[in-house]
Amino acid sequence: MSVSREELYRLIDALPVAELPAARRFLEYLRDVGNEEELSPEDIEAVRRGLEDIKAGRTRTWADVRRELGE
């Protein structure tokens, strides 16, 4: 389905003012979906190590971390 920018502008102009923030958030989401960066090999390795730590039980709860930090 082909859609022109002009058609989208007309739809935006017809939106109730109260819906403009939601429309903005959705349009920003659509814009950003295609701009996500690929994971680097280092990022992939860090995720792999993190998953291994989870499987091995080498994790701490957020409450434990906060306690250790004195919060």
C-alpha atoms as a PDB file:
ATOM      1  CA  MET A   1       0.000   0.000   0.000  1.00  0.00           C
ATOM      2  CA  SER A   2       1.484   3.289  -1.068  1.00  0.00           C
ATOM      3  CA  VAL A   3       1.049   6.250   1.257  1.00  0.00           C
ATOM      4  CA  SER A   4       2.256   9.759   0.588  1.00  0.00           C
ATOM      5  CA  ARG A   5       3.645  12.092   3.211  1.00  0.00           C
ATOM      6  CA  GLU A   6       0.908  14.553   2.293  1.00  0.00           C
ATOM      7  CA  GLU A   7      -1.730  11.967   3.248  1.00  0.00           C
ATOM      8  CA  LEU A   8      -0.036  11.443   6.587  1.00  0.00           C
ATOM      9  CA  TYR A   9       0.166  15.205   7.157  1.00  0.00           C
ATOM     10  CA  ARG A  10      -3.603  15.438   6.526  1.00  0.00           C
ATOM     11  CA  LEU A  11      -4.248  12.664   9.054  1.00  0.00           C
ATOM     12  CA  ILE A  12      -2.081  14.396  11.637  1.00  0.00           C
ATOM     13  CA  ASP A  13      -3.850  17.700  11.026  1.00  0.00           C
ATOM     14  CA  ALA A  14      -7.203  15.966  11.609  1.00  0.00           C
ATOM     15  CA  LEU A  15      -6.186  14.481  14.980  1.00  0.00           C
ATOM     16  CA  PRO A  16      -7.734  15.889  18.138  1.00  0.00           C
ATOM     17  CA  VAL A  17      -5.208  17.989  20.052  1.00  0.00           C
ATOM     18  CA  ALA A  18      -5.377  15.574  22.989  1.00  0.00           C
ATOM     19  CA  GLU A  19      -4.073  12.756  20.758  1.00  0.00           C
ATOM     20  CA  LEU A  20      -1.013  14.627  19.472  1.00  0.00           C
ATOM     21  CA  PRO A  21       1.352  13.404  22.240  1.00  0.00           C
ATOM     22  CA  ALA A  22       0.431   9.775  21.516  1.00  0.00           C
ATOM     23  CA  ALA A  23       0.867  10.333  17.781  1.00  0.00           C
ATOM     24  CA  ARG A  24       4.276  11.890  18.378  1.00  0.00           C
ATOM     25  CA  ARG A  25       5.432   8.974  20.536  1.00  0.00           C
ATOM     26  CA  PHE A  26       4.263   6.465  17.933  1.00  0.00           C
ATOM     27  CA  LEU A  27       5.899   8.314  15.041  1.00  0.00           C
ATOM     28  CA  GLU A  28       9.161   8.568  17.029  1.00  0.00           C
ATOM     29  CA  TYR A  29       8.948   4.835  17.687  1.00  0.00           C
ATOM     30  CA  LEU A  30       8.490   4.117  13.973  1.00  0.00           C
ATOM     31  CA  ARG A  31      11.397   6.413  13.138  1.00  0.00           C
ATOM     32  CA  ASP A  32      13.706   4.768  15.638  1.00  0.00           C
ATOM     33  CA  VAL A  33      12.852   1.121  14.898  1.00  0.00           C
ATOM     34  CA  GLY A  34      14.942   1.167  11.745  1.00  0.00           C
ATOM     35  CA  ASN A  35      17.837   2.974  13.420  1.00  0.00           C
ATOM     36  CA  GLU A  36      18.725   0.407  16.050  1.00  0.00           C
ATOM     37  CA  GLU A  37      22.405  -0.430  16.097  1.00  0.00           C
ATOM     38  CA  GLU A  38      23.675  -3.934  15.545  1.00  0.00           C
ATOM     39  CA  LEU A  39      25.269  -5.632  18.532  1.00  0.00           C
ATOM     40  CA  SER A  40      29.045  -5.693  18.400  1.00  0.00           C
ATOM     41  CA  PRO A  41      30.918  -8.962  18.950  1.00  0.00           C
ATOM     42  CA  GLU A  42      31.854  -7.617  22.400  1.00  0.00           C
ATOM     43  CA  ASP A  43      28.184  -6.960  23.214  1.00  0.00           C
ATOM     44  CA  ILE A  44      27.206 -10.454  22.104  1.00  0.00           C
ATOM     45  CA  GLU A  45      29.964 -11.952  24.276  1.00  0.00           C
ATOM     46  CA  ALA A  46      28.823  -9.890  27.278  1.00  0.00           C
ATOM     47  CA  VAL A  47      25.248 -11.141  26.813  1.00  0.00           C
ATOM     48  CA  ARG A  48      26.501 -14.735  26.517  1.00  0.00           C
ATOM     49  CA  ARG A  49      28.506 -14.400  29.758  1.00  0.00           C
ATOM     50  CA  GLY A  50      25.513 -12.829  31.502  1.00  0.00           C
ATOM     51  CA  LEU A  51      23.259 -15.695  30.473  1.00  0.00           C
ATOM     52  CA  GLU A  52      25.851 -18.180  31.733  1.00  0.00           C
ATOM     53  CA  ASP A  53      25.939 -16.339  35.080  1.00  0.00           C
ATOM     54  CA  ILE A  54      22.158 -16.525  35.324  1.00  0.00           C
ATOM     55  CA  LYS A  55      22.133 -20.259  34.549  1.00  0.00           C
ATOM     56  CA  ALA A  56      24.890 -20.861  37.131  1.00  0.00           C
ATOM     57  CA  GLY A  57      23.053 -18.838  39.787  1.00  0.00           C
ATOM     58  CA  ARG A  58      25.742 -16.157  39.953  1.00  0.00           C
ATOM     59  CA  THR A  59      23.258 -13.325  40.413  1.00  0.00           C
ATOM     60  CA  ARG A  60      22.135 -10.982  43.175  1.00  0.00           C
ATOM     61  CA  THR A  61      18.756  -9.449  43.770  1.00  0.00           C
ATOM     62  CA  TRP A  62      18.265  -5.718  43.358  1.00  0.00           C
ATOM     63  CA  ALA A  63      17.509  -5.547  47.099  1.00  0.00           C
ATOM     64  CA  ASP A  64      20.900  -7.156  47.851  1.00  0.00           C
ATOM     65  CA  VAL A  65      22.716  -4.697  45.603  1.00  0.00           C
ATOM     66  CA  ARG A  66      20.953  -1.726  47.205  1.00  0.00           C
ATOM     67  CA  ARG A  67      21.818  -3.048  50.656  1.00  0.00           C
ATOM     68  CA  GLU A  68      25.483  -3.414  49.644  1.00  0.00           C
ATOM     69  CA  LEU A  69      25.495   0.156  48.383  1.00  0.00           C
ATOM     70  CA  GLY A  70      23.965   1.397  51.621  1.00  0.00           C
ATOM     71  CA  GLU A  71      20.722   2.589  50.092  1.00  0.00           C
END
